N, C-alpha and C. Protein backbone atom coordinates (compact mmCIF):
# COMPACT_ATOMS: atom_id res chain seq x y z
N UNK A 1 119.31 -59.70 108.28
CA UNK A 1 118.88 -59.11 109.54
C UNK A 1 117.56 -59.71 109.98
N UNK A 2 116.60 -59.82 109.05
CA UNK A 2 115.30 -60.39 109.40
C UNK A 2 115.43 -61.81 109.91
N UNK A 3 116.37 -62.58 109.35
CA UNK A 3 116.55 -63.95 109.82
C UNK A 3 117.11 -63.97 111.25
N UNK A 4 117.95 -63.00 111.60
CA UNK A 4 118.47 -62.93 112.96
C UNK A 4 117.38 -62.48 113.94
N UNK A 5 116.55 -61.55 113.50
CA UNK A 5 115.46 -61.07 114.35
C UNK A 5 114.44 -62.18 114.57
N UNK A 6 114.30 -63.08 113.59
CA UNK A 6 113.32 -64.16 113.72
C UNK A 6 113.73 -65.17 114.79
N UNK A 7 114.96 -65.12 115.28
CA UNK A 7 115.39 -65.99 116.37
C UNK A 7 114.73 -65.62 117.70
N UNK A 8 114.22 -64.41 117.79
CA UNK A 8 113.55 -63.96 119.01
C UNK A 8 112.11 -64.47 119.00
N UNK A 9 111.50 -64.62 120.18
CA UNK A 9 110.09 -65.04 120.22
C UNK A 9 109.19 -64.05 119.49
N UNK A 10 108.05 -64.53 119.01
CA UNK A 10 107.13 -63.69 118.24
C UNK A 10 106.58 -62.54 119.08
N UNK A 11 106.50 -62.71 120.39
CA UNK A 11 105.97 -61.66 121.25
C UNK A 11 107.01 -60.58 121.57
N UNK A 12 108.26 -60.84 121.23
CA UNK A 12 109.34 -59.89 121.50
C UNK A 12 109.22 -58.72 120.51
N UNK A 13 109.29 -57.48 120.98
CA UNK A 13 109.17 -56.33 120.07
C UNK A 13 110.26 -56.35 118.99
N UNK A 14 109.83 -56.17 117.73
CA UNK A 14 110.76 -56.25 116.60
C UNK A 14 111.83 -55.15 116.66
N UNK A 15 111.45 -53.95 117.09
CA UNK A 15 112.42 -52.86 117.18
C UNK A 15 113.51 -53.18 118.20
N UNK A 16 113.11 -53.71 119.32
CA UNK A 16 114.08 -54.06 120.36
C UNK A 16 114.97 -55.21 119.89
N UNK A 17 114.39 -56.17 119.20
CA UNK A 17 115.19 -57.28 118.66
C UNK A 17 116.21 -56.76 117.65
N UNK A 18 115.79 -55.85 116.78
CA UNK A 18 116.72 -55.27 115.81
C UNK A 18 117.83 -54.50 116.49
N UNK A 19 117.49 -53.77 117.55
CA UNK A 19 118.49 -53.01 118.29
C UNK A 19 119.49 -53.95 118.98
N UNK A 20 119.01 -55.05 119.52
CA UNK A 20 119.89 -56.02 120.17
C UNK A 20 120.83 -56.66 119.14
N UNK A 21 120.27 -57.04 117.98
CA UNK A 21 121.10 -57.63 116.93
C UNK A 21 122.16 -56.64 116.47
N UNK A 22 121.74 -55.38 116.25
CA UNK A 22 122.71 -54.36 115.83
C UNK A 22 123.79 -54.19 116.90
N UNK A 23 123.39 -54.11 118.16
CA UNK A 23 124.36 -53.91 119.25
C UNK A 23 125.37 -55.04 119.34
N UNK A 24 124.90 -56.27 119.22
CA UNK A 24 125.81 -57.42 119.29
C UNK A 24 126.77 -57.40 118.09
N UNK A 25 126.24 -57.14 116.89
CA UNK A 25 127.10 -57.07 115.71
C UNK A 25 128.09 -55.90 115.80
N UNK A 26 127.62 -54.76 116.30
CA UNK A 26 128.47 -53.58 116.45
C UNK A 26 129.63 -53.86 117.40
N UNK A 27 129.35 -54.44 118.54
CA UNK A 27 130.39 -54.74 119.52
C UNK A 27 131.33 -55.82 118.97
N UNK A 28 130.77 -56.81 118.29
CA UNK A 28 131.61 -57.86 117.69
C UNK A 28 132.55 -57.31 116.64
N UNK A 29 132.04 -56.44 115.77
CA UNK A 29 132.89 -55.82 114.74
C UNK A 29 133.93 -54.92 115.41
N UNK A 30 133.54 -54.17 116.42
CA UNK A 30 134.49 -53.31 117.12
C UNK A 30 135.62 -54.09 117.76
N UNK A 31 135.31 -55.19 118.39
CA UNK A 31 136.35 -56.03 119.00
C UNK A 31 137.23 -56.64 117.92
N UNK A 32 136.61 -57.08 116.82
CA UNK A 32 137.37 -57.64 115.71
C UNK A 32 138.32 -56.62 115.10
N UNK A 33 137.84 -55.39 114.91
CA UNK A 33 138.68 -54.32 114.38
C UNK A 33 139.82 -54.04 115.35
N UNK A 34 139.53 -54.03 116.63
CA UNK A 34 140.56 -53.79 117.62
C UNK A 34 141.67 -54.82 117.57
N UNK A 35 141.30 -56.10 117.50
CA UNK A 35 142.31 -57.15 117.44
C UNK A 35 143.02 -57.19 116.09
N UNK A 36 142.31 -56.87 115.04
CA UNK A 36 142.91 -56.89 113.70
C UNK A 36 143.97 -55.79 113.55
N UNK A 37 143.66 -54.60 114.03
CA UNK A 37 144.57 -53.47 113.83
C UNK A 37 145.57 -53.28 114.97
N UNK A 38 145.21 -53.57 116.18
CA UNK A 38 146.11 -53.34 117.31
C UNK A 38 145.98 -51.91 117.82
N UNK A 39 146.47 -51.66 119.02
CA UNK A 39 146.21 -50.37 119.66
C UNK A 39 146.88 -49.19 118.98
N UNK A 40 148.11 -49.33 118.53
CA UNK A 40 148.79 -48.19 117.89
C UNK A 40 148.17 -47.86 116.54
N UNK A 41 147.82 -48.87 115.78
CA UNK A 41 147.22 -48.62 114.47
C UNK A 41 145.80 -48.04 114.64
N UNK A 42 145.09 -48.42 115.68
CA UNK A 42 143.77 -47.85 115.93
C UNK A 42 143.85 -46.35 116.17
N UNK A 43 144.86 -45.91 116.88
CA UNK A 43 145.05 -44.47 117.10
C UNK A 43 145.30 -43.78 115.76
N UNK A 44 146.07 -44.41 114.90
CA UNK A 44 146.31 -43.85 113.57
C UNK A 44 145.03 -43.81 112.75
N UNK A 45 144.15 -44.80 112.92
CA UNK A 45 142.87 -44.78 112.21
C UNK A 45 142.00 -43.63 112.72
N UNK A 46 142.04 -43.37 114.01
CA UNK A 46 141.29 -42.23 114.56
C UNK A 46 141.76 -40.94 113.89
N UNK A 47 143.06 -40.76 113.79
CA UNK A 47 143.59 -39.56 113.14
C UNK A 47 143.19 -39.53 111.66
N UNK A 48 143.20 -40.68 111.01
CA UNK A 48 142.82 -40.76 109.60
C UNK A 48 141.35 -40.41 109.39
N UNK A 49 140.49 -40.79 110.33
CA UNK A 49 139.07 -40.44 110.23
C UNK A 49 138.89 -38.93 110.28
N UNK A 50 139.58 -38.28 111.22
CA UNK A 50 139.48 -36.82 111.31
C UNK A 50 139.95 -36.14 110.03
N UNK A 51 141.09 -36.57 109.50
CA UNK A 51 141.63 -35.96 108.29
C UNK A 51 140.72 -36.24 107.09
N UNK A 52 140.24 -37.47 106.95
CA UNK A 52 139.35 -37.81 105.83
C UNK A 52 138.04 -37.03 105.93
N UNK A 53 137.53 -36.84 107.13
CA UNK A 53 136.30 -36.07 107.30
C UNK A 53 136.50 -34.61 106.93
N UNK A 54 137.63 -34.06 107.31
CA UNK A 54 137.92 -32.67 106.96
C UNK A 54 138.02 -32.51 105.44
N UNK A 55 138.75 -33.39 104.78
CA UNK A 55 138.87 -33.31 103.32
C UNK A 55 137.52 -33.53 102.64
N UNK A 56 136.73 -34.45 103.13
CA UNK A 56 135.41 -34.71 102.54
C UNK A 56 134.51 -33.50 102.71
N UNK A 57 134.50 -32.91 103.89
CA UNK A 57 133.67 -31.73 104.13
C UNK A 57 134.12 -30.54 103.30
N UNK A 58 135.42 -30.40 103.11
CA UNK A 58 135.94 -29.28 102.32
C UNK A 58 135.66 -29.45 100.83
N UNK A 59 135.50 -30.68 100.38
CA UNK A 59 135.30 -30.92 98.94
C UNK A 59 133.83 -31.01 98.54
N UNK A 60 132.92 -30.71 99.45
CA UNK A 60 131.49 -30.87 99.16
C UNK A 60 131.03 -29.99 97.99
N UNK A 61 131.61 -28.83 97.81
CA UNK A 61 131.22 -27.95 96.71
C UNK A 61 131.84 -28.35 95.38
N UNK A 62 132.90 -29.12 95.41
CA UNK A 62 133.61 -29.52 94.19
C UNK A 62 133.00 -30.78 93.58
N UNK A 63 132.42 -31.63 94.41
CA UNK A 63 131.91 -32.91 93.94
C UNK A 63 130.62 -32.74 93.14
N UNK A 64 130.37 -33.63 92.16
CA UNK A 64 129.12 -33.55 91.39
C UNK A 64 127.91 -33.87 92.26
N UNK A 65 126.81 -33.18 92.02
CA UNK A 65 125.61 -33.34 92.84
C UNK A 65 124.75 -34.54 92.42
N UNK A 66 124.95 -35.07 91.21
CA UNK A 66 124.06 -36.10 90.71
C UNK A 66 124.33 -37.49 91.28
N UNK A 67 125.48 -37.74 91.88
CA UNK A 67 125.78 -39.05 92.46
C UNK A 67 125.63 -38.97 93.97
N UNK A 68 124.58 -39.59 94.55
CA UNK A 68 124.27 -39.36 95.97
C UNK A 68 125.30 -39.91 96.95
N UNK A 69 126.09 -40.90 96.57
CA UNK A 69 127.03 -41.49 97.51
C UNK A 69 128.45 -40.95 97.36
N UNK A 70 128.62 -39.89 96.63
CA UNK A 70 129.95 -39.38 96.35
C UNK A 70 130.70 -39.02 97.63
N UNK A 71 130.06 -38.32 98.54
CA UNK A 71 130.75 -37.94 99.79
C UNK A 71 131.14 -39.17 100.59
N UNK A 72 130.25 -40.13 100.70
CA UNK A 72 130.54 -41.33 101.48
C UNK A 72 131.68 -42.12 100.85
N UNK A 73 131.65 -42.27 99.53
CA UNK A 73 132.71 -43.02 98.85
C UNK A 73 134.04 -42.27 98.94
N UNK A 74 134.01 -40.96 98.85
CA UNK A 74 135.24 -40.18 98.99
C UNK A 74 135.81 -40.35 100.39
N UNK A 75 134.96 -40.32 101.40
CA UNK A 75 135.41 -40.51 102.77
C UNK A 75 136.05 -41.89 102.93
N UNK A 76 135.38 -42.92 102.43
CA UNK A 76 135.92 -44.28 102.55
C UNK A 76 137.25 -44.41 101.82
N UNK A 77 137.33 -43.86 100.61
CA UNK A 77 138.57 -43.91 99.84
C UNK A 77 139.70 -43.19 100.58
N UNK A 78 139.43 -42.00 101.07
CA UNK A 78 140.45 -41.26 101.82
C UNK A 78 140.84 -41.99 103.10
N UNK A 79 139.87 -42.57 103.78
CA UNK A 79 140.16 -43.30 105.01
C UNK A 79 141.06 -44.49 104.73
N UNK A 80 140.77 -45.23 103.67
CA UNK A 80 141.61 -46.38 103.33
C UNK A 80 143.01 -45.93 102.94
N UNK A 81 143.11 -44.89 102.11
CA UNK A 81 144.43 -44.40 101.69
C UNK A 81 145.24 -43.87 102.88
N UNK A 82 144.59 -43.10 103.73
CA UNK A 82 145.31 -42.56 104.89
C UNK A 82 145.70 -43.65 105.87
N UNK A 83 144.87 -44.67 105.99
CA UNK A 83 145.20 -45.78 106.89
C UNK A 83 146.38 -46.58 106.34
N UNK A 84 146.46 -46.70 105.02
CA UNK A 84 147.58 -47.43 104.43
C UNK A 84 148.91 -46.71 104.60
N UNK A 85 148.88 -45.38 104.60
CA UNK A 85 150.12 -44.62 104.73
C UNK A 85 150.23 -43.93 106.09
N UNK A 86 149.43 -44.37 107.04
CA UNK A 86 149.37 -43.67 108.33
C UNK A 86 150.69 -43.68 109.09
N UNK A 87 151.49 -44.70 108.93
CA UNK A 87 152.77 -44.74 109.66
C UNK A 87 153.70 -43.63 109.17
N UNK A 88 153.55 -43.24 107.93
CA UNK A 88 154.37 -42.15 107.40
C UNK A 88 153.86 -40.79 107.86
N UNK A 89 152.55 -40.68 108.09
CA UNK A 89 151.95 -39.40 108.44
C UNK A 89 151.80 -39.18 109.94
N UNK A 90 151.29 -40.18 110.64
CA UNK A 90 150.92 -40.02 112.04
C UNK A 90 151.67 -41.02 112.92
N UNK A 91 152.92 -40.95 113.02
CA UNK A 91 153.67 -41.91 113.84
C UNK A 91 153.33 -41.67 115.30
N UNK A 92 152.26 -42.30 115.75
CA UNK A 92 151.77 -42.13 117.11
C UNK A 92 151.96 -43.46 117.84
N UNK A 93 152.55 -43.41 118.99
CA UNK A 93 152.70 -44.61 119.81
C UNK A 93 151.96 -44.38 121.12
N UNK A 94 151.07 -45.30 121.43
CA UNK A 94 150.31 -45.21 122.66
C UNK A 94 150.96 -46.13 123.69
N UNK A 95 151.57 -45.56 124.71
CA UNK A 95 152.18 -46.42 125.72
C UNK A 95 151.10 -47.11 126.54
N UNK A 96 151.37 -48.31 126.96
CA UNK A 96 150.42 -48.99 127.81
C UNK A 96 151.14 -50.00 128.69
N UNK A 97 150.51 -50.30 129.77
CA UNK A 97 151.03 -51.32 130.66
C UNK A 97 150.64 -52.68 130.08
N UNK A 98 151.47 -53.68 130.20
CA UNK A 98 151.17 -54.98 129.58
C UNK A 98 149.83 -55.56 130.02
N UNK A 99 149.45 -55.37 131.26
CA UNK A 99 148.19 -55.93 131.73
C UNK A 99 146.97 -55.16 131.21
N UNK A 100 147.17 -53.97 130.67
CA UNK A 100 146.07 -53.15 130.17
C UNK A 100 145.83 -53.31 128.67
N UNK A 101 146.68 -54.01 127.96
CA UNK A 101 146.62 -54.05 126.50
C UNK A 101 145.30 -54.58 125.99
N UNK A 102 144.79 -55.67 126.52
CA UNK A 102 143.58 -56.30 126.01
C UNK A 102 142.37 -55.37 126.08
N UNK A 103 142.11 -54.80 127.23
CA UNK A 103 140.91 -53.96 127.33
C UNK A 103 141.07 -52.67 126.56
N UNK A 104 142.29 -52.17 126.42
CA UNK A 104 142.51 -50.96 125.61
C UNK A 104 142.20 -51.23 124.15
N UNK A 105 142.61 -52.37 123.64
CA UNK A 105 142.33 -52.74 122.26
C UNK A 105 140.82 -52.89 122.04
N UNK A 106 140.14 -53.53 122.97
CA UNK A 106 138.70 -53.73 122.85
C UNK A 106 137.96 -52.39 122.87
N UNK A 107 138.26 -51.56 123.85
CA UNK A 107 137.59 -50.26 123.98
C UNK A 107 137.88 -49.37 122.77
N UNK A 108 139.12 -49.28 122.36
CA UNK A 108 139.47 -48.43 121.22
C UNK A 108 138.86 -48.97 119.94
N UNK A 109 138.82 -50.28 119.77
CA UNK A 109 138.20 -50.87 118.58
C UNK A 109 136.72 -50.53 118.48
N UNK A 110 136.00 -50.61 119.60
CA UNK A 110 134.57 -50.28 119.60
C UNK A 110 134.38 -48.79 119.33
N UNK A 111 135.20 -47.95 119.93
CA UNK A 111 135.08 -46.50 119.73
C UNK A 111 135.37 -46.13 118.28
N UNK A 112 136.40 -46.70 117.68
CA UNK A 112 136.73 -46.41 116.28
C UNK A 112 135.60 -46.89 115.36
N UNK A 113 135.04 -48.05 115.63
CA UNK A 113 133.92 -48.54 114.83
C UNK A 113 132.73 -47.60 114.93
N UNK A 114 132.40 -47.14 116.12
CA UNK A 114 131.30 -46.19 116.29
C UNK A 114 131.56 -44.88 115.59
N UNK A 115 132.79 -44.43 115.63
CA UNK A 115 133.17 -43.18 114.96
C UNK A 115 132.97 -43.30 113.45
N UNK A 116 133.43 -44.40 112.86
CA UNK A 116 133.30 -44.59 111.42
C UNK A 116 131.84 -44.77 111.02
N UNK A 117 131.07 -45.54 111.80
CA UNK A 117 129.65 -45.71 111.50
C UNK A 117 128.93 -44.37 111.57
N UNK A 118 129.24 -43.56 112.56
CA UNK A 118 128.59 -42.26 112.70
C UNK A 118 128.88 -41.36 111.51
N UNK A 119 130.14 -41.31 111.08
CA UNK A 119 130.49 -40.48 109.93
C UNK A 119 129.80 -40.98 108.66
N UNK A 120 129.79 -42.29 108.46
CA UNK A 120 129.16 -42.84 107.26
C UNK A 120 127.65 -42.62 107.27
N UNK A 121 127.01 -42.76 108.42
CA UNK A 121 125.56 -42.51 108.50
C UNK A 121 125.26 -41.05 108.19
N UNK A 122 126.16 -40.16 108.57
CA UNK A 122 125.97 -38.74 108.28
C UNK A 122 126.15 -38.45 106.79
N UNK A 123 127.10 -39.12 106.14
CA UNK A 123 127.42 -38.83 104.75
C UNK A 123 126.51 -39.54 103.75
N UNK A 124 126.03 -40.71 104.09
CA UNK A 124 125.15 -41.47 103.19
C UNK A 124 123.74 -40.91 103.31
N UNK A 125 123.03 -40.74 102.18
CA UNK A 125 121.65 -40.24 102.26
C UNK A 125 120.77 -41.14 103.13
N UNK A 126 119.80 -40.52 103.81
CA UNK A 126 118.94 -41.26 104.75
C UNK A 126 118.18 -42.39 104.06
N UNK A 127 117.80 -42.20 102.79
CA UNK A 127 117.09 -43.27 102.06
C UNK A 127 117.99 -44.49 101.91
N UNK A 128 119.26 -44.26 101.64
CA UNK A 128 120.20 -45.37 101.49
C UNK A 128 120.46 -46.06 102.82
N UNK A 129 120.52 -45.28 103.91
CA UNK A 129 120.72 -45.87 105.23
C UNK A 129 119.55 -46.78 105.59
N UNK A 130 118.35 -46.39 105.20
CA UNK A 130 117.16 -47.19 105.50
C UNK A 130 117.17 -48.52 104.76
N UNK A 131 117.92 -48.63 103.66
CA UNK A 131 117.95 -49.88 102.90
C UNK A 131 119.09 -50.80 103.30
N UNK A 132 119.90 -50.41 104.28
CA UNK A 132 120.99 -51.28 104.73
C UNK A 132 120.41 -52.60 105.24
N UNK A 133 121.12 -53.72 105.03
CA UNK A 133 120.60 -55.01 105.51
C UNK A 133 120.49 -55.08 107.03
N UNK A 134 121.31 -54.31 107.72
CA UNK A 134 121.23 -54.23 109.18
C UNK A 134 120.73 -52.84 109.51
N UNK A 135 119.63 -52.76 110.23
CA UNK A 135 119.09 -51.44 110.55
C UNK A 135 120.02 -50.73 111.54
N UNK A 136 120.37 -49.51 111.20
CA UNK A 136 121.27 -48.70 112.03
C UNK A 136 120.41 -47.76 112.86
N UNK A 137 120.55 -47.76 114.17
CA UNK A 137 119.77 -46.83 114.99
C UNK A 137 120.25 -45.39 114.75
N UNK A 138 119.49 -44.66 113.97
CA UNK A 138 119.87 -43.30 113.57
C UNK A 138 120.04 -42.39 114.78
N UNK A 139 119.22 -42.57 115.80
CA UNK A 139 119.32 -41.68 116.96
C UNK A 139 120.65 -41.84 117.70
N UNK A 140 121.32 -42.98 117.53
CA UNK A 140 122.61 -43.19 118.20
C UNK A 140 123.80 -42.84 117.31
N UNK A 141 123.58 -42.71 116.01
CA UNK A 141 124.71 -42.45 115.10
C UNK A 141 124.48 -41.30 114.13
N UNK A 142 123.23 -40.98 113.78
CA UNK A 142 122.98 -40.05 112.71
C UNK A 142 122.58 -38.64 113.09
N UNK A 143 122.27 -38.40 114.34
CA UNK A 143 121.86 -37.05 114.74
C UNK A 143 123.10 -36.16 114.90
N UNK A 144 122.94 -34.85 114.82
CA UNK A 144 124.10 -33.96 115.00
C UNK A 144 124.78 -34.14 116.36
N UNK A 145 124.00 -34.32 117.42
CA UNK A 145 124.60 -34.52 118.74
C UNK A 145 125.39 -35.83 118.78
N UNK A 146 124.84 -36.88 118.17
CA UNK A 146 125.55 -38.17 118.13
C UNK A 146 126.86 -38.03 117.35
N UNK A 147 126.83 -37.27 116.26
CA UNK A 147 128.05 -37.05 115.48
C UNK A 147 129.13 -36.36 116.30
N UNK A 148 128.74 -35.35 117.06
CA UNK A 148 129.70 -34.65 117.91
C UNK A 148 130.25 -35.58 118.99
N UNK A 149 129.37 -36.35 119.59
CA UNK A 149 129.80 -37.27 120.65
C UNK A 149 130.76 -38.31 120.11
N UNK A 150 130.42 -38.93 118.94
CA UNK A 150 131.28 -39.96 118.38
C UNK A 150 132.60 -39.40 117.89
N UNK A 151 132.68 -38.11 117.60
CA UNK A 151 133.97 -37.52 117.22
C UNK A 151 134.77 -37.09 118.45
N UNK A 152 134.10 -36.81 119.55
CA UNK A 152 134.79 -36.38 120.77
C UNK A 152 135.24 -37.55 121.64
N UNK A 153 134.46 -38.62 121.67
CA UNK A 153 134.77 -39.75 122.55
C UNK A 153 136.15 -40.36 122.28
N UNK A 154 136.57 -40.55 121.02
CA UNK A 154 137.92 -41.11 120.83
C UNK A 154 139.03 -40.23 121.40
N UNK A 155 138.89 -38.92 121.26
CA UNK A 155 139.91 -38.03 121.83
C UNK A 155 139.93 -38.12 123.36
N UNK A 156 138.75 -38.14 123.96
CA UNK A 156 138.69 -38.26 125.41
C UNK A 156 139.23 -39.61 125.88
N UNK A 157 138.88 -40.66 125.16
CA UNK A 157 139.37 -41.99 125.54
C UNK A 157 140.88 -42.06 125.43
N UNK A 158 141.44 -41.52 124.35
CA UNK A 158 142.89 -41.53 124.20
C UNK A 158 143.56 -40.70 125.29
N UNK A 159 142.93 -39.58 125.65
CA UNK A 159 143.47 -38.74 126.72
C UNK A 159 143.54 -39.53 128.02
N UNK A 160 142.44 -40.21 128.39
CA UNK A 160 142.42 -40.96 129.64
C UNK A 160 143.30 -42.20 129.58
N UNK A 161 143.36 -42.86 128.44
CA UNK A 161 144.21 -44.04 128.32
C UNK A 161 145.69 -43.67 128.44
N UNK A 162 146.06 -42.53 127.84
CA UNK A 162 147.46 -42.11 127.93
C UNK A 162 147.81 -41.60 129.33
N UNK A 163 146.89 -40.95 130.00
CA UNK A 163 147.17 -40.46 131.35
C UNK A 163 147.31 -41.64 132.33
N UNK A 164 146.55 -42.69 132.10
CA UNK A 164 146.59 -43.85 133.00
C UNK A 164 147.94 -44.57 132.92
N UNK A 165 148.59 -44.54 131.75
CA UNK A 165 149.84 -45.28 131.59
C UNK A 165 151.06 -44.51 132.09
N UNK A 166 150.88 -43.26 132.46
CA UNK A 166 152.02 -42.44 132.93
C UNK A 166 152.21 -42.58 134.41
């Protein structure tokens, strides 16, 4: 991250440079996830995130307290497992017009990436988030309001995307 920030002029504010680098990487990963998974699988990932979050939140009292990343690792494990078997659980098909496919994949990919980053920032201890190689803007992903927004936006986006195709 520091090497990417060093590409900016010395007079450029370091916080703003870090935010720009994070934003470009975030959008790039979101678009990549969108193209890698496709629109129907992205909807299944959204459902998997909700289910994995519910199971992780429900198991908070059962997990050992001495391992700080237990909740985050449990969430990731459940998300991967649910995503692998999602066609058996959540057979969801998102209809779309052929000319709308590209932008739907891009938008849904970015939204799913934001949703997963928000949940992980919430589950990982703040000290560990501060040591990530790429600084994550906590105010956009880690606050309670941001968590609610990132969990609501995919549902609203799917609602509007499905209404547009009818």
